[in-house]
Amino acid sequence: MQPSQNADFEVHVNGDPQRVPAGTCVSSLLDRMGLAGRRVAVAVNREILRRGTYHQRSLAEGDRVEVLEAVGGGK
């Protein structure tokens, strides 16, 4: 039996397991996390992505996603 094309799968986001729908891309993941439009850096499986490719980069079972948000501040 083949797995359903519409099944959810698990990725790890900043070390935590998270289930996402099949076909999820990085920009969709950021939207689900409430980070759409925010200044973030994203790496998938240790590969740093260019911001303009977030909508093209589909996620797969077991991917490891690191999301870092730019924070201003200082003295």
PDB file of N, CA and C in Angstrom:
ATOM      1  N   MET A   1       0.843  -1.180   0.000  1.00  0.00           N
ATOM      2  CA  MET A   1       0.000   0.000   0.000  1.00  0.00           C
ATOM      3  C   MET A   1       0.886   1.239   0.000  1.00  0.00           C
ATOM      4  N   GLN A   2       0.592   2.186  -0.886  1.00  0.00           N
ATOM      5  CA  GLN A   2       1.368   3.411  -0.962  1.00  0.00           C
ATOM      6  C   GLN A   2       0.799   4.440   0.000  1.00  0.00           C
ATOM      7  N   PRO A   3       1.700   5.297   0.578  1.00  0.00           N
ATOM      8  CA  PRO A   3       1.194   6.353   1.446  1.00  0.00           C
ATOM      9  C   PRO A   3       0.374   7.354   0.632  1.00  0.00           C
ATOM     10  N   SER A   4      -0.603   7.950   1.273  1.00  0.00           N
ATOM     11  CA  SER A   4      -1.444   8.951   0.625  1.00  0.00           C
ATOM     12  C   SER A   4      -0.632  10.188   0.279  1.00  0.00           C
ATOM     13  N   GLN A   5      -0.913  10.762  -0.872  1.00  0.00           N
ATOM     14  CA  GLN A   5      -0.247  11.990  -1.293  1.00  0.00           C
ATOM     15  C   GLN A   5      -0.645  13.152  -0.381  1.00  0.00           C
ATOM     16  N   ASN A   6      -1.785  13.036   0.318  1.00  0.00           N
ATOM     17  CA  ASN A   6      -2.286  14.130   1.141  1.00  0.00           C
ATOM     18  C   ASN A   6      -1.991  13.944   2.626  1.00  0.00           C
ATOM     19  N   ALA A   7      -1.167  12.985   2.977  1.00  0.00           N
ATOM     20  CA  ALA A   7      -0.891  12.693   4.382  1.00  0.00           C
ATOM     21  C   ALA A   7       0.009  13.754   4.996  1.00  0.00           C
ATOM     22  N   ASP A   8      -0.180  13.970   6.288  1.00  0.00           N
ATOM     23  CA  ASP A   8       0.734  14.832   7.035  1.00  0.00           C
ATOM     24  C   ASP A   8       2.041  14.074   7.249  1.00  0.00           C
ATOM     25  N   PHE A   9       3.104  14.813   7.485  1.00  0.00           N
ATOM     26  CA  PHE A   9       4.385  14.193   7.794  1.00  0.00           C
ATOM     27  C   PHE A   9       5.094  15.041   8.830  1.00  0.00           C
ATOM     28  N   GLU A  10       6.176  14.511   9.363  1.00  0.00           N
ATOM     29  CA  GLU A  10       6.887  15.176  10.454  1.00  0.00           C
ATOM     30  C   GLU A  10       8.196  15.785   9.975  1.00  0.00           C
ATOM     31  N   VAL A  11       8.401  17.042  10.380  1.00  0.00           N
ATOM     32  CA  VAL A  11       9.677  17.725  10.213  1.00  0.00           C
ATOM     33  C   VAL A  11      10.107  18.180  11.606  1.00  0.00           C
ATOM     34  N   HIS A  12      11.335  18.583  11.739  1.00  0.00           N
ATOM     35  CA  HIS A  12      11.831  19.110  13.011  1.00  0.00           C
ATOM     36  C   HIS A  12      12.122  20.591  12.812  1.00  0.00           C
ATOM     37  N   VAL A  13      11.466  21.413  13.604  1.00  0.00           N
ATOM     38  CA  VAL A  13      11.629  22.864  13.508  1.00  0.00           C
ATOM     39  C   VAL A  13      12.311  23.342  14.781  1.00  0.00           C
ATOM     40  N   ASN A  14      13.513  23.858  14.618  1.00  0.00           N
ATOM     41  CA  ASN A  14      14.321  24.290  15.757  1.00  0.00           C
ATOM     42  C   ASN A  14      14.406  23.179  16.806  1.00  0.00           C
ATOM     43  N   GLY A  15      14.541  21.946  16.317  1.00  0.00           N
ATOM     44  CA  GLY A  15      14.726  20.794  17.193  1.00  0.00           C
ATOM     45  C   GLY A  15      13.453  20.135  17.681  1.00  0.00           C
ATOM     46  N   ASP A  16      12.302  20.743  17.442  1.00  0.00           N
ATOM     47  CA  ASP A  16      11.029  20.184  17.910  1.00  0.00           C
ATOM     48  C   ASP A  16      10.269  19.533  16.759  1.00  0.00           C
ATOM     49  N   PRO A  17       9.739  18.321  16.969  1.00  0.00           N
ATOM     50  CA  PRO A  17       8.956  17.686  15.913  1.00  0.00           C
ATOM     51  C   PRO A  17       7.656  18.451  15.676  1.00  0.00           C
ATOM     52  N   GLN A  18       7.284  18.545  14.401  1.00  0.00           N
ATOM     53  CA  GLN A  18       6.051  19.236  14.032  1.00  0.00           C
ATOM     54  C   GLN A  18       5.458  18.534  12.818  1.00  0.00           C
ATOM     55  N   ARG A  19       4.163  18.275  12.861  1.00  0.00           N
ATOM     56  CA  ARG A  19       3.483  17.649  11.730  1.00  0.00           C
ATOM     57  C   ARG A  19       2.984  18.750  10.802  1.00  0.00           C
ATOM     58  N   VAL A  20       3.209  18.553   9.514  1.00  0.00           N
ATOM     59  CA  VAL A  20       2.779  19.521   8.504  1.00  0.00           C
ATOM     60  C   VAL A  20       2.081  18.762   7.377  1.00  0.00           C
ATOM     61  N   PRO A  21       1.197  19.426   6.648  1.00  0.00           N
ATOM     62  CA  PRO A  21       0.517  18.771   5.531  1.00  0.00           C
ATOM     63  C   PRO A  21       1.470  18.518   4.365  1.00  0.00           C
ATOM     64  N   ALA A  22       1.199  17.477   3.605  1.00  0.00           N
ATOM     65  CA  ALA A  22       1.967  17.212   2.393  1.00  0.00           C
ATOM     66  C   ALA A  22       1.929  18.454   1.505  1.00  0.00           C
ATOM     67  N   GLY A  23       3.036  18.734   0.839  1.00  0.00           N
ATOM     68  CA  GLY A  23       3.116  19.893  -0.050  1.00  0.00           C
ATOM     69  C   GLY A  23       3.499  21.186   0.645  1.00  0.00           C
ATOM     70  N   THR A  24       3.785  21.132   1.941  1.00  0.00           N
ATOM     71  CA  THR A  24       4.151  22.343   2.671  1.00  0.00           C
ATOM     72  C   THR A  24       5.497  22.856   2.186  1.00  0.00           C
ATOM     73  N   CYS A  25       5.564  24.148   1.898  1.00  0.00           N
ATOM     74  CA  CYS A  25       6.826  24.782   1.536  1.00  0.00           C
ATOM     75  C   CYS A  25       7.277  25.640   2.720  1.00  0.00           C
ATOM     76  N   VAL A  26       8.476  26.158   2.638  1.00  0.00           N
ATOM     77  CA  VAL A  26       9.034  26.947   3.741  1.00  0.00           C
ATOM     78  C   VAL A  26       8.173  28.164   4.027  1.00  0.00           C
ATOM     79  N   SER A  27       7.703  28.857   2.994  1.00  0.00           N
ATOM     80  CA  SER A  27       6.887  30.047   3.257  1.00  0.00           C
ATOM     81  C   SER A  27       5.579  29.678   3.960  1.00  0.00           C
ATOM     82  N   SER A  28       4.995  28.527   3.616  1.00  0.00           N
ATOM     83  CA  SER A  28       3.776  28.071   4.305  1.00  0.00           C
ATOM     84  C   SER A  28       4.071  27.738   5.761  1.00  0.00           C
ATOM     85  N   LEU A  29       5.217  27.123   6.008  1.00  0.00           N
ATOM     86  CA  LEU A  29       5.608  26.809   7.381  1.00  0.00           C
ATOM     87  C   LEU A  29       5.756  28.088   8.191  1.00  0.00           C
ATOM     88  N   LEU A  30       6.418  29.089   7.623  1.00  0.00           N
ATOM     89  CA  LEU A  30       6.585  30.366   8.323  1.00  0.00           C
ATOM     90  C   LEU A  30       5.230  31.010   8.610  1.00  0.00           C
ATOM     91  N   ASP A  31       4.303  30.900   7.676  1.00  0.00           N
ATOM     92  CA  ASP A  31       2.955  31.430   7.880  1.00  0.00           C
ATOM     93  C   ASP A  31       2.283  30.715   9.045  1.00  0.00           C
ATOM     94  N   ARG A  32       2.386  29.376   9.082  1.00  0.00           N
ATOM     95  CA  ARG A  32       1.805  28.582  10.177  1.00  0.00           C
ATOM     96  C   ARG A  32       2.410  28.966  11.521  1.00  0.00           C
ATOM     97  N   MET A  33       3.678  29.387  11.513  1.00  0.00           N
ATOM     98  CA  MET A  33       4.377  29.759  12.739  1.00  0.00           C
ATOM     99  C   MET A  33       4.131  31.222  13.133  1.00  0.00           C
ATOM    100  N   GLY A  34       3.388  31.963  12.316  1.00  0.00           N
ATOM    101  CA  GLY A  34       3.140  33.377  12.593  1.00  0.00           C
ATOM    102  C   GLY A  34       4.325  34.260  12.265  1.00  0.00           C
ATOM    103  N   LEU A  35       5.192  33.787  11.376  1.00  0.00           N
ATOM    104  CA  LEU A  35       6.407  34.539  11.039  1.00  0.00           C
ATOM    105  C   LEU A  35       6.401  35.079   9.616  1.00  0.00           C
ATOM    106  N   ALA A  36       5.290  34.950   8.911  1.00  0.00           N
ATOM    107  CA  ALA A  36       5.212  35.455   7.534  1.00  0.00           C
ATOM    108  C   ALA A  36       5.508  36.949   7.522  1.00  0.00           C
ATOM    109  N   GLY A  37       6.371  37.368   6.611  1.00  0.00           N
ATOM    110  CA  GLY A  37       6.705  38.784   6.484  1.00  0.00           C
ATOM    111  C   GLY A  37       7.729  39.285   7.494  1.00  0.00           C
ATOM    112  N   ARG A  38       8.129  38.444   8.427  1.00  0.00           N
ATOM    113  CA  ARG A  38       9.124  38.848   9.426  1.00  0.00           C
ATOM    114  C   ARG A  38      10.523  38.628   8.874  1.00  0.00           C
ATOM    115  N   ARG A  39      11.492  39.297   9.460  1.00  0.00           N
ATOM    116  CA  ARG A  39      12.892  39.129   9.050  1.00  0.00           C
ATOM    117  C   ARG A  39      13.447  37.882   9.723  1.00  0.00           C
ATOM    118  N   VAL A  40      13.536  36.812   8.940  1.00  0.00           N
ATOM    119  CA  VAL A  40      14.041  35.550   9.455  1.00  0.00           C
ATOM    120  C   VAL A  40      15.074  34.984   8.494  1.00  0.00           C
ATOM    121  N   ALA A  41      15.921  34.135   9.038  1.00  0.00           N
ATOM    122  CA  ALA A  41      16.832  33.325   8.236  1.00  0.00           C
ATOM    123  C   ALA A  41      16.395  31.884   8.415  1.00  0.00           C
ATOM    124  N   VAL A  42      16.411  31.121   7.328  1.00  0.00           N
ATOM    125  CA  VAL A  42      15.951  29.740   7.371  1.00  0.00           C
ATOM    126  C   VAL A  42      16.996  28.825   6.752  1.00  0.00           C
ATOM    127  N   ALA A  43      17.250  27.714   7.437  1.00  0.00           N
ATOM    128  CA  ALA A  43      18.098  26.652   6.890  1.00  0.00           C
ATOM    129  C   ALA A  43      17.289  25.355   6.930  1.00  0.00           C
ATOM    130  N   VAL A  44      17.398  24.579   5.863  1.00  0.00           N
ATOM    131  CA  VAL A  44      16.772  23.262   5.808  1.00  0.00           C
ATOM    132  C   VAL A  44      17.895  22.253   5.617  1.00  0.00           C
ATOM    133  N   ASN A  45      17.994  21.341   6.559  1.00  0.00           N
ATOM    134  CA  ASN A  45      19.060  20.338   6.526  1.00  0.00           C
ATOM    135  C   ASN A  45      20.432  20.989   6.366  1.00  0.00           C
ATOM    136  N   ARG A  46      20.622  22.058   7.132  1.00  0.00           N
ATOM    137  CA  ARG A  46      21.885  22.806   7.206  1.00  0.00           C
ATOM    138  C   ARG A  46      22.203  23.627   5.961  1.00  0.00           C
ATOM    139  N   GLU A  47      21.264  23.721   5.026  1.00  0.00           N
ATOM    140  CA  GLU A  47      21.437  24.551   3.824  1.00  0.00           C
ATOM    141  C   GLU A  47      20.669  25.856   4.034  1.00  0.00           C
ATOM    142  N   ILE A  48      21.391  26.976   4.044  1.00  0.00           N
ATOM    143  CA  ILE A  48      20.753  28.273   4.221  1.00  0.00           C
ATOM    144  C   ILE A  48      20.030  28.642   2.929  1.00  0.00           C
ATOM    145  N   LEU A  49      18.770  29.032   3.077  1.00  0.00           N
ATOM    146  CA  LEU A  49      17.949  29.362   1.913  1.00  0.00           C
ATOM    147  C   LEU A  49      17.913  30.859   1.678  1.00  0.00           C
ATOM    148  N   ARG A  50      17.838  31.235   0.420  1.00  0.00           N
ATOM    149  CA  ARG A  50      17.608  32.644   0.071  1.00  0.00           C
ATOM    150  C   ARG A  50      16.136  32.942   0.281  1.00  0.00           C
ATOM    151  N   ARG A  51      15.841  34.102   0.797  1.00  0.00           N
ATOM    152  CA  ARG A  51      14.459  34.490   1.104  1.00  0.00           C
ATOM    153  C   ARG A  51      13.537  34.320  -0.107  1.00  0.00           C
ATOM    154  N   GLY A  52      14.006  34.631  -1.278  1.00  0.00           N
ATOM    155  CA  GLY A  52      13.191  34.543  -2.487  1.00  0.00           C
ATOM    156  C   GLY A  52      12.848  33.119  -2.907  1.00  0.00           C
ATOM    157  N   THR A  53      13.439  32.129  -2.253  1.00  0.00           N
ATOM    158  CA  THR A  53      13.161  30.738  -2.621  1.00  0.00           C
ATOM    159  C   THR A  53      12.262  30.025  -1.614  1.00  0.00           C
ATOM    160  N   TYR A  54      11.831  30.700  -0.577  1.00  0.00           N
ATOM    161  CA  TYR A  54      11.031  30.057   0.468  1.00  0.00           C
ATOM    162  C   TYR A  54       9.768  29.407  -0.099  1.00  0.00           C
ATOM    163  N   HIS A  55       9.131  30.058  -1.069  1.00  0.00           N
ATOM    164  CA  HIS A  55       7.885  29.498  -1.636  1.00  0.00           C
ATOM    165  C   HIS A  55       8.160  28.326  -2.577  1.00  0.00           C
ATOM    166  N   GLN A  56       9.392  28.173  -3.030  1.00  0.00           N
ATOM    167  CA  GLN A  56       9.741  27.083  -3.951  1.00  0.00           C
ATOM    168  C   GLN A  56      10.262  25.847  -3.232  1.00  0.00           C
ATOM    169  N   ARG A  57      10.742  26.002  -2.009  1.00  0.00           N
ATOM    170  CA  ARG A  57      11.400  24.900  -1.299  1.00  0.00           C
ATOM    171  C   ARG A  57      10.370  24.083  -0.536  1.00  0.00           C
ATOM    172  N   SER A  58       9.988  22.941  -1.097  1.00  0.00           N
ATOM    173  CA  SER A  58       9.050  22.030  -0.428  1.00  0.00           C
ATOM    174  C   SER A  58       9.767  21.267   0.666  1.00  0.00           C
ATOM    175  N   LEU A  59       9.043  20.957   1.719  1.00  0.00           N
ATOM    176  CA  LEU A  59       9.594  20.179   2.817  1.00  0.00           C
ATOM    177  C   LEU A  59       9.248  18.709   2.632  1.00  0.00           C
ATOM    178  N   ALA A  60      10.084  17.844   3.213  1.00  0.00           N
ATOM    179  CA  ALA A  60       9.890  16.403   3.112  1.00  0.00           C
ATOM    180  C   ALA A  60      10.004  15.784   4.499  1.00  0.00           C
ATOM    181  N   GLU A  61       9.472  14.581   4.625  1.00  0.00           N
ATOM    182  CA  GLU A  61       9.530  13.825   5.877  1.00  0.00           C
ATOM    183  C   GLU A  61      10.951  13.850   6.444  1.00  0.00           C
ATOM    184  N   GLY A  62      11.067  14.243   7.716  1.00  0.00           N
ATOM    185  CA  GLY A  62      12.347  14.210   8.404  1.00  0.00           C
ATOM    186  C   GLY A  62      13.235  15.416   8.198  1.00  0.00           C
ATOM    187  N   ASP A  63      12.815  16.380   7.366  1.00  0.00           N
ATOM    188  CA  ASP A  63      13.645  17.574   7.185  1.00  0.00           C
ATOM    189  C   ASP A  63      13.870  18.263   8.524  1.00  0.00           C
ATOM    190  N   ARG A  64      15.037  18.849   8.652  1.00  0.00           N
ATOM    191  CA  ARG A  64      15.388  19.624   9.844  1.00  0.00           C
ATOM    192  C   ARG A  64      15.457  21.091   9.445  1.00  0.00           C
ATOM    193  N   VAL A  65      14.542  21.864  10.006  1.00  0.00           N
ATOM    194  CA  VAL A  65      14.401  23.277   9.663  1.00  0.00           C
ATOM    195  C   VAL A  65      14.843  24.112  10.856  1.00  0.00           C
ATOM    196  N   GLU A  66      15.713  25.069  10.600  1.00  0.00           N
ATOM    197  CA  GLU A  66      16.128  26.020  11.636  1.00  0.00           C
ATOM    198  C   GLU A  66      15.659  27.398  11.198  1.00  0.00           C
ATOM    199  N   VAL A  67      14.949  28.081  12.082  1.00  0.00           N
ATOM    200  CA  VAL A  67      14.436  29.415  11.795  1.00  0.00           C
ATOM    201  C   VAL A  67      14.999  30.360  12.847  1.00  0.00           C
ATOM    202  N   LEU A  68      15.682  31.388  12.386  1.00  0.00           N
ATOM    203  CA  LEU A  68      16.237  32.401  13.276  1.00  0.00           C
ATOM    204  C   LEU A  68      15.618  33.738  12.920  1.00  0.00           C
ATOM    205  N   GLU A  69      15.101  34.421  13.930  1.00  0.00           N
ATOM    206  CA  GLU A  69      14.482  35.724  13.710  1.00  0.00           C
ATOM    207  C   GLU A  69      15.470  36.826  14.056  1.00  0.00           C
ATOM    208  N   ALA A  70      15.580  37.813  13.155  1.00  0.00           N
ATOM    209  CA  ALA A  70      16.445  38.963  13.400  1.00  0.00           C
ATOM    210  C   ALA A  70      15.822  39.833  14.493  1.00  0.00           C
ATOM    211  N   VAL A  71      16.613  40.159  15.487  1.00  0.00           N
ATOM    212  CA  VAL A  71      16.134  40.978  16.591  1.00  0.00           C
ATOM    213  C   VAL A  71      17.055  42.173  16.725  1.00  0.00           C
ATOM    214  N   GLY A  72      16.465  43.358  16.720  1.00  0.00           N
ATOM    215  CA  GLY A  72      17.253  44.586  16.880  1.00  0.00           C
ATOM    216  C   GLY A  72      17.410  44.907  18.356  1.00  0.00           C
ATOM    217  N   GLY A  73      18.340  45.759  18.622  1.00  0.00           N
ATOM    218  CA  GLY A  73      18.528  46.173  20.011  1.00  0.00           C
ATOM    219  C   GLY A  73      19.945  46.609  20.255  1.00  0.00           C
ATOM    220  N   GLY A  74      20.275  46.730  21.479  1.00  0.00           N
ATOM    221  CA  GLY A  74      21.618  47.163  21.847  1.00  0.00           C
ATOM    222  C   GLY A  74      21.561  48.483  22.564  1.00  0.00           C
ATOM    223  N   LYS A  75      22.728  49.022  22.816  1.00  0.00           N
ATOM    224  CA  LYS A  75      22.819  50.293  23.555  1.00  0.00           C
ATOM    225  C   LYS A  75      23.028  51.445  22.628  1.00  0.00           C
TER     226      LYS A  75
END
